[in-house]
Amino acid sequence: MSEIPNDERCCPPDCCDMRGFLTFQILWELRTENLNGQQIAERIWKRRGGNKPTPGTIYPALKELKEKSMITGEKDGNQIIYHLTVEGKAELEDAARYFFQAFGDIIEESKTLFVIKGKCDC
């Protein structure tokens, strides 16, 4: 995750729906650590800023990923801890490759145009 402090991050723009990629973000957050649903939502919120994903958003996405065998969940007390499966790791690699292919140039140009020049104003 970016090391830009929360008070220096750019706000999500009004012009574009930046809520997409939820399943990709879930897989991304699980790539290094097993997490419960609340922890996943908090990490996505910290990364995005703005609104925290609700249980009505996170848990259906987790269910879908489980049905596709990309993650598994193990009960630990009254919570479920999720982790990537071998299939999930392979899908994450493919998705990250696609994300970079589709948006890598935008990310690089955005860094020089806005982030590095300090043009984030919220």
C-alpha atoms as a PDB file:
ATOM      1  CA  MET A   1       0.000   0.000   0.000  1.00  0.00           C
ATOM      2  CA  SER A   2       1.135   3.531  -0.719  1.00  0.00           C
ATOM      3  CA  GLU A   3       2.889   5.298   2.123  1.00  0.00           C
ATOM      4  CA  ILE A   4       1.128   8.621   1.472  1.00  0.00           C
ATOM      5  CA  PRO A   5      -0.501   9.775   4.742  1.00  0.00           C
ATOM      6  CA  ASN A   6      -4.319   9.740   4.658  1.00  0.00           C
ATOM      7  CA  ASP A   7      -4.564  13.532   5.006  1.00  0.00           C
ATOM      8  CA  GLU A   8      -2.371  13.974   1.904  1.00  0.00           C
ATOM      9  CA  ARG A   9      -4.182  11.492  -0.370  1.00  0.00           C
ATOM     10  CA  CYS A  10      -6.332  12.655  -3.234  1.00  0.00           C
ATOM     11  CA  CYS A  11     -10.065  12.232  -2.771  1.00  0.00           C
ATOM     12  CA  PRO A  12     -11.930   9.850  -5.068  1.00  0.00           C
ATOM     13  CA  PRO A  13     -13.185  11.972  -7.973  1.00  0.00           C
ATOM     14  CA  ASP A  14     -16.862  12.758  -8.432  1.00  0.00           C
ATOM     15  CA  CYS A  15     -16.582  12.141 -12.169  1.00  0.00           C
ATOM     16  CA  CYS A  16     -15.626   8.484 -12.062  1.00  0.00           C
ATOM     17  CA  ASP A  17     -16.826   5.411 -10.191  1.00  0.00           C
ATOM     18  CA  MET A  18     -13.709   4.233  -8.392  1.00  0.00           C
ATOM     19  CA  ARG A  19     -15.466   1.381  -6.546  1.00  0.00           C
ATOM     20  CA  GLY A  20     -14.720  -1.255  -9.165  1.00  0.00           C
ATOM     21  CA  PHE A  21     -12.124  -3.979  -8.870  1.00  0.00           C
ATOM     22  CA  LEU A  22     -13.456  -5.211  -5.528  1.00  0.00           C
ATOM     23  CA  THR A  23     -12.578  -8.872  -6.047  1.00  0.00           C
ATOM     24  CA  PHE A  24      -9.146  -7.865  -7.366  1.00  0.00           C
ATOM     25  CA  GLN A  25      -8.599  -5.732  -4.283  1.00  0.00           C
ATOM     26  CA  ILE A  26      -9.660  -8.570  -1.992  1.00  0.00           C
ATOM     27  CA  LEU A  27      -7.225 -10.962  -3.659  1.00  0.00           C
ATOM     28  CA  TRP A  28      -4.531  -8.277  -3.511  1.00  0.00           C
ATOM     29  CA  GLU A  29      -5.014  -7.763   0.234  1.00  0.00           C
ATOM     30  CA  LEU A  30      -4.883 -11.523   0.858  1.00  0.00           C
ATOM     31  CA  ARG A  31      -1.649 -11.964  -1.103  1.00  0.00           C
ATOM     32  CA  THR A  32       0.567 -11.488   1.964  1.00  0.00           C
ATOM     33  CA  GLU A  33      -1.660 -12.134   4.953  1.00  0.00           C
ATOM     34  CA  ASN A  34      -4.763 -14.078   5.963  1.00  0.00           C
ATOM     35  CA  LEU A  35      -7.535 -11.682   7.014  1.00  0.00           C
ATOM     36  CA  ASN A  36     -11.150 -11.628   8.144  1.00  0.00           C
ATOM     37  CA  GLY A  37     -13.827  -9.706   6.238  1.00  0.00           C
ATOM     38  CA  GLN A  38     -13.648  -6.648   8.491  1.00  0.00           C
ATOM     39  CA  GLN A  39      -9.869  -6.432   8.104  1.00  0.00           C
ATOM     40  CA  ILE A  40     -10.198  -6.682   4.318  1.00  0.00           C
ATOM     41  CA  ALA A  41     -12.793  -3.873   4.283  1.00  0.00           C
ATOM     42  CA  GLU A  42     -10.563  -1.669   6.457  1.00  0.00           C
ATOM     43  CA  ARG A  43      -7.541  -2.194   4.214  1.00  0.00           C
ATOM     44  CA  ILE A  44      -9.541  -1.382   1.103  1.00  0.00           C
ATOM     45  CA  TRP A  45     -10.916   1.733   2.818  1.00  0.00           C
ATOM     46  CA  LYS A  46      -7.409   2.865   3.824  1.00  0.00           C
ATOM     47  CA  ARG A  47      -6.165   2.322   0.278  1.00  0.00           C
ATOM     48  CA  ARG A  48      -9.090   4.098  -1.421  1.00  0.00           C
ATOM     49  CA  GLY A  49     -10.080   6.731   1.079  1.00  0.00           C
ATOM     50  CA  GLY A  50     -13.734   7.651   0.934  1.00  0.00           C
ATOM     51  CA  ASN A  51     -16.307   5.113   2.050  1.00  0.00           C
ATOM     52  CA  LYS A  52     -15.474   1.814   3.683  1.00  0.00           C
ATOM     53  CA  PRO A  53     -16.948  -1.183   1.850  1.00  0.00           C
ATOM     54  CA  THR A  54     -20.027  -2.443   3.690  1.00  0.00           C
ATOM     55  CA  PRO A  55     -20.659  -6.023   4.784  1.00  0.00           C
ATOM     56  CA  GLY A  56     -23.308  -6.147   2.029  1.00  0.00           C
ATOM     57  CA  THR A  57     -20.532  -5.492  -0.482  1.00  0.00           C
ATOM     58  CA  ILE A  58     -17.592  -7.430   0.972  1.00  0.00           C
ATOM     59  CA  TYR A  59     -19.292 -10.692   1.971  1.00  0.00           C
ATOM     60  CA  PRO A  60     -21.005 -11.395  -1.377  1.00  0.00           C
ATOM     61  CA  ALA A  61     -17.646 -10.814  -3.082  1.00  0.00           C
ATOM     62  CA  LEU A  62     -15.935 -13.173  -0.619  1.00  0.00           C
ATOM     63  CA  LYS A  63     -18.654 -15.763  -1.258  1.00  0.00           C
ATOM     64  CA  GLU A  64     -18.127 -15.469  -5.012  1.00  0.00           C
ATOM     65  CA  LEU A  65     -14.356 -15.889  -4.622  1.00  0.00           C
ATOM     66  CA  LYS A  66     -14.904 -18.951  -2.427  1.00  0.00           C
ATOM     67  CA  GLU A  67     -17.302 -20.469  -4.983  1.00  0.00           C
ATOM     68  CA  LYS A  68     -14.641 -19.945  -7.660  1.00  0.00           C
ATOM     69  CA  SER A  69     -12.063 -21.680  -5.383  1.00  0.00           C
ATOM     70  CA  MET A  70      -9.836 -18.604  -5.295  1.00  0.00           C
ATOM     71  CA  ILE A  71     -10.008 -18.279  -1.510  1.00  0.00           C
ATOM     72  CA  THR A  72     -10.915 -20.458   1.419  1.00  0.00           C
ATOM     73  CA  GLY A  73     -12.170 -19.468   4.830  1.00  0.00           C
ATOM     74  CA  GLU A  74     -11.447 -21.106   8.160  1.00  0.00           C
ATOM     75  CA  LYS A  75     -13.606 -20.461  11.205  1.00  0.00           C
ATOM     76  CA  ASP A  76     -11.663 -18.944  14.100  1.00  0.00           C
ATOM     77  CA  GLY A  77     -14.038 -18.358  17.003  1.00  0.00           C
ATOM     78  CA  ASN A  78     -16.893 -16.295  15.618  1.00  0.00           C
ATOM     79  CA  GLN A  79     -15.024 -14.976  12.591  1.00  0.00           C
ATOM     80  CA  ILE A  80     -13.793 -16.462   9.326  1.00  0.00           C
ATOM     81  CA  ILE A  81     -10.184 -15.993   8.287  1.00  0.00           C
ATOM     82  CA  TYR A  82      -9.722 -15.969   4.508  1.00  0.00           C
ATOM     83  CA  HIS A  83      -6.652 -16.930   2.535  1.00  0.00           C
ATOM     84  CA  LEU A  84      -5.688 -17.371  -1.095  1.00  0.00           C
ATOM     85  CA  THR A  85      -5.692 -20.787  -2.712  1.00  0.00           C
ATOM     86  CA  VAL A  86      -3.225 -21.856  -5.387  1.00  0.00           C
ATOM     87  CA  GLU A  87      -5.904 -20.977  -7.949  1.00  0.00           C
ATOM     88  CA  GLY A  88      -6.411 -17.591  -6.302  1.00  0.00           C
ATOM     89  CA  LYS A  89      -2.700 -16.801  -6.471  1.00  0.00           C
ATOM     90  CA  ALA A  90      -2.635 -17.685 -10.169  1.00  0.00           C
ATOM     91  CA  GLU A  91      -5.748 -15.567 -10.840  1.00  0.00           C
ATOM     92  CA  LEU A  92      -4.241 -12.661  -8.897  1.00  0.00           C
ATOM     93  CA  GLU A  93      -1.099 -12.817 -11.009  1.00  0.00           C
ATOM     94  CA  ASP A  94      -3.197 -12.763 -14.189  1.00  0.00           C
ATOM     95  CA  ALA A  95      -5.361  -9.924 -12.862  1.00  0.00           C
ATOM     96  CA  ALA A  96      -2.337  -7.862 -11.774  1.00  0.00           C
ATOM     97  CA  ARG A  97      -0.738  -8.387 -15.171  1.00  0.00           C
ATOM     98  CA  TYR A  98      -3.958  -7.219 -16.850  1.00  0.00           C
ATOM     99  CA  PHE A  99      -4.305  -4.254 -14.466  1.00  0.00           C
ATOM    100  CA  PHE A 100      -0.778  -3.119 -15.293  1.00  0.00           C
ATOM    101  CA  GLN A 101      -1.374  -3.622 -19.010  1.00  0.00           C
ATOM    102  CA  ALA A 102      -4.583  -1.588 -18.887  1.00  0.00           C
ATOM    103  CA  PHE A 103      -3.572   1.107 -16.404  1.00  0.00           C
ATOM    104  CA  GLY A 104       0.233   1.101 -16.012  1.00  0.00           C
ATOM    105  CA  ASP A 105       0.754   4.087 -18.283  1.00  0.00           C
ATOM    106  CA  ILE A 106      -2.017   6.011 -16.530  1.00  0.00           C
ATOM    107  CA  ILE A 107      -0.438   5.294 -13.149  1.00  0.00           C
ATOM    108  CA  GLU A 108       3.013   6.403 -14.267  1.00  0.00           C
ATOM    109  CA  GLU A 109       1.758   9.579 -15.928  1.00  0.00           C
ATOM    110  CA  SER A 110      -0.494  10.380 -12.954  1.00  0.00           C
ATOM    111  CA  LYS A 111       2.478  10.140 -10.597  1.00  0.00           C
ATOM    112  CA  THR A 112       4.389  12.771 -12.534  1.00  0.00           C
ATOM    113  CA  LEU A 113       1.409  15.030 -13.256  1.00  0.00           C
ATOM    114  CA  PHE A 114      -0.365  15.056  -9.925  1.00  0.00           C
ATOM    115  CA  VAL A 115       1.198  13.180  -7.039  1.00  0.00           C
ATOM    116  CA  ILE A 116       4.832  14.245  -7.405  1.00  0.00           C
ATOM    117  CA  LYS A 117       3.885  17.856  -8.207  1.00  0.00           C
ATOM    118  CA  GLY A 118       1.634  17.963  -5.118  1.00  0.00           C
ATOM    119  CA  LYS A 119      -1.589  18.636  -6.963  1.00  0.00           C
ATOM    120  CA  CYS A 120      -3.769  16.488  -4.722  1.00  0.00           C
ATOM    121  CA  ASP A 121      -5.871  19.078  -2.935  1.00  0.00           C
ATOM    122  CA  CYS A 122      -8.184  17.343  -0.494  1.00  0.00           C
END
